[in-house]
C-alpha cells in the first residue's frame, strides 16, 4: 500500500519500523500493544522515513489514493477494485498477525451489494465505476 502512495519502502523495512514503534510504545506505557498500531503510531513510522514532512498538493494526494484502488491505471474504480483492497487489508492483517484485544479480526468485510451501493452513490455520470474526478470530489473536503 505504501508503494501505491508513492513511498519507496520494502516490506522488511515496514515490518522493522512497525516493530520499532510498537516496542517504543510499550516501553513508554509499560503495557503490551498486541502487535497492532494506531494512527499516531503509523504517523511515527512515516515521520521516521521522512514522509510526514513531504509536501504534496491535494491533487497529488488524491491521485495517490486513487492508485490504491486503480492498480491497473484504467482511470476508474470498480466493485472488483474495492473488493480487492478489502481482501488485501484482511490478508495483510493475517500476515502481520494483527487482531483485536479479543483475538478477532480488525478488518471489516462488507457484502458485494454494499460495495456496489458505494459505487452507485459516487458514480455521478452513471458509468458503473468511480472515475478520478468523482473520486476527487469525494476527497475534496478531506484534502482541502
Protein backbone atom coordinates (compact mmCIF):
# COMPACT_ATOMS: atom_id res chain seq x y z
CA UNK A 1 0.00 0.00 0.00
CA UNK A 2 2.82 2.42 0.77
CA UNK A 3 4.18 1.84 -2.75
CA UNK A 4 0.79 2.83 -4.16
CA UNK A 5 1.03 6.04 -2.16
CA UNK A 6 4.39 6.83 -3.72
CA UNK A 7 6.56 5.70 -0.81
CA UNK A 8 9.53 3.52 -1.72
CA UNK A 9 9.76 1.11 1.20
CA UNK A 10 10.32 -2.64 1.25
CA UNK A 11 8.10 -5.00 3.22
CA UNK A 12 11.04 -5.79 5.50
CA UNK A 13 11.58 -2.06 6.22
CA UNK A 14 7.91 -1.69 7.09
CA UNK A 15 8.00 -4.66 9.45
CA UNK A 16 11.11 -3.30 11.19
CA UNK A 17 9.54 0.15 11.55
CA UNK A 18 6.28 -1.29 12.90
CA UNK A 19 8.13 -3.43 15.43
CA UNK A 20 10.26 -0.46 16.50
CA UNK A 21 7.21 1.76 17.05
CA UNK A 22 5.38 -1.00 18.96
CA UNK A 23 8.42 -1.63 21.16
CA UNK A 24 8.85 2.10 21.84
CA UNK A 25 5.16 2.48 22.71
CA UNK A 26 5.30 -0.49 25.06
CA UNK A 27 8.34 0.97 26.83
CA UNK A 28 6.61 4.33 27.24
CA UNK A 29 3.32 2.93 28.53
CA UNK A 30 4.52 -0.30 30.18
CA UNK A 31 1.58 -2.10 28.58
CA UNK A 32 1.53 -4.61 25.74
CA UNK A 33 0.39 -3.27 22.38
CA UNK A 34 -0.75 -6.67 20.95
CA UNK A 35 1.13 -6.23 17.66
CA UNK A 36 -1.22 -3.50 16.48
CA UNK A 37 -0.62 0.13 15.65
CA UNK A 38 -2.94 3.10 15.73
CA UNK A 39 -2.92 6.21 13.57
CA UNK A 40 -0.41 8.06 15.77
CA UNK A 41 1.99 5.12 15.54
CA UNK A 42 1.55 4.99 11.77
CA UNK A 43 2.39 8.69 11.61
CA UNK A 44 5.55 8.00 13.64
CA UNK A 45 6.56 5.39 11.09
CA UNK A 46 6.01 7.79 8.20
CA UNK A 47 7.83 10.59 10.03
CA UNK A 48 10.78 8.28 10.72
CA UNK A 49 11.07 7.68 6.98
CA UNK A 50 10.71 11.40 6.23
CA UNK A 51 7.33 11.06 4.56
CA UNK A 52 5.30 13.10 7.02
CA UNK A 53 7.24 16.22 6.11
CA UNK A 54 6.87 15.74 2.38
CA UNK A 55 4.58 18.43 0.96
CA UNK A 56 2.15 17.28 -1.72
CA UNK A 57 -0.67 19.12 -3.40
CA UNK A 58 -4.22 17.91 -2.85
CA UNK A 59 -4.22 16.78 -6.49
CA UNK A 60 -1.15 14.59 -5.89
CA UNK A 61 -2.67 13.20 -2.70
CA UNK A 62 -5.94 12.36 -4.48
CA UNK A 63 -4.07 10.63 -7.31
CA UNK A 64 -2.03 8.56 -4.84
CA UNK A 65 -5.16 7.43 -3.02
CA UNK A 66 -6.89 6.72 -6.32
CA UNK A 67 -4.00 4.45 -7.36
CA UNK A 68 -4.58 2.35 -4.25
CA UNK A 69 -7.76 1.19 -5.91
CA UNK A 70 -6.99 1.60 -9.63
CA UNK A 71 -3.83 -0.51 -9.70
CA UNK A 72 -4.09 -1.20 -13.44
CA UNK A 73 -4.36 2.51 -14.36
CA UNK A 74 -7.76 2.06 -16.00
CA UNK A 75 -8.83 5.53 -14.92
CA UNK A 76 -11.76 4.29 -12.82
CA UNK A 77 -12.57 2.20 -9.74
CA UNK A 78 -14.98 -0.73 -9.90
CA UNK A 79 -16.60 -3.07 -7.39
CA UNK A 80 -13.82 -5.55 -8.16
CA UNK A 81 -11.20 -2.93 -7.19
CA UNK A 82 -12.92 -2.15 -3.89
CA UNK A 83 -13.28 -5.84 -3.05
CA UNK A 84 -9.60 -6.42 -3.89
CA UNK A 85 -8.50 -3.68 -1.50
CA UNK A 86 -10.78 -5.13 1.17
CA UNK A 87 -9.23 -8.57 0.68
CA UNK A 88 -5.70 -7.11 0.74
CA UNK A 89 -6.46 -5.47 4.10
CA UNK A 90 -7.70 -8.77 5.53
CA UNK A 91 -4.69 -10.65 4.13
CA UNK A 92 -2.21 -8.09 5.47
CA UNK A 93 -3.86 -8.22 8.87
CA UNK A 94 -3.49 -12.01 8.90
CA UNK A 95 0.13 -11.91 7.71
CA UNK A 96 1.10 -9.37 10.36
CA UNK A 97 -0.99 -11.17 12.99
CA UNK A 98 -2.88 -8.00 13.88
CA UNK A 99 -6.01 -8.74 15.89
CA UNK A 100 -8.38 -7.05 18.31
CA UNK A 101 -7.86 -7.50 22.04
CA UNK A 102 -10.24 -10.48 21.97
CA UNK A 103 -8.24 -12.11 19.15
CA UNK A 104 -10.78 -11.42 16.43
CA UNK A 105 -10.11 -9.79 13.09
CA UNK A 106 -9.99 -5.98 12.95
CA UNK A 107 -10.70 -5.84 9.21
CA UNK A 108 -14.28 -5.17 8.23
CA UNK A 109 -15.68 -7.07 5.30
CA UNK A 110 -18.83 -5.98 3.54
CA UNK A 111 -21.14 -7.60 1.02
CA UNK A 112 -20.87 -7.17 -2.73
CA UNK A 113 -24.22 -5.36 -2.63
CA UNK A 114 -22.86 -2.81 -0.15
CA UNK A 115 -19.75 -2.23 -2.28
CA UNK A 116 -21.98 -1.75 -5.34
CA UNK A 117 -24.04 0.77 -3.37
CA UNK A 118 -20.83 2.73 -2.66
CA UNK A 119 -20.00 2.82 -6.37
CA UNK A 120 -23.58 3.81 -7.24
CA UNK A 121 -23.59 6.66 -4.70
CA UNK A 122 -20.48 8.33 -6.11
CA UNK A 123 -20.85 7.41 -9.80
CA UNK A 124 -22.25 10.77 -10.87
CA UNK A 125 -22.07 10.10 -14.62
CA UNK A 126 -23.59 6.58 -14.38
CA UNK A 127 -20.69 4.67 -15.93
CA UNK A 128 -20.83 1.88 -13.34
CA UNK A 129 -17.48 2.96 -11.91
CA UNK A 130 -15.95 5.85 -9.99
CA UNK A 131 -13.68 7.90 -12.24
CA UNK A 132 -10.88 10.09 -10.90
CA UNK A 133 -12.88 13.34 -10.95
CA UNK A 134 -15.67 11.67 -8.99
CA UNK A 135 -13.13 10.25 -6.57
CA UNK A 136 -11.51 13.66 -6.16
CA UNK A 137 -14.88 15.17 -5.25
CA UNK A 138 -15.21 12.56 -2.51
CA UNK A 139 -11.82 13.52 -1.07
CA UNK A 140 -12.14 17.28 -1.56
CA UNK A 141 -13.40 18.03 1.98
CA UNK A 142 -10.58 15.97 3.45
CA UNK A 143 -7.72 17.22 1.29
CA UNK A 144 -8.58 20.90 1.09
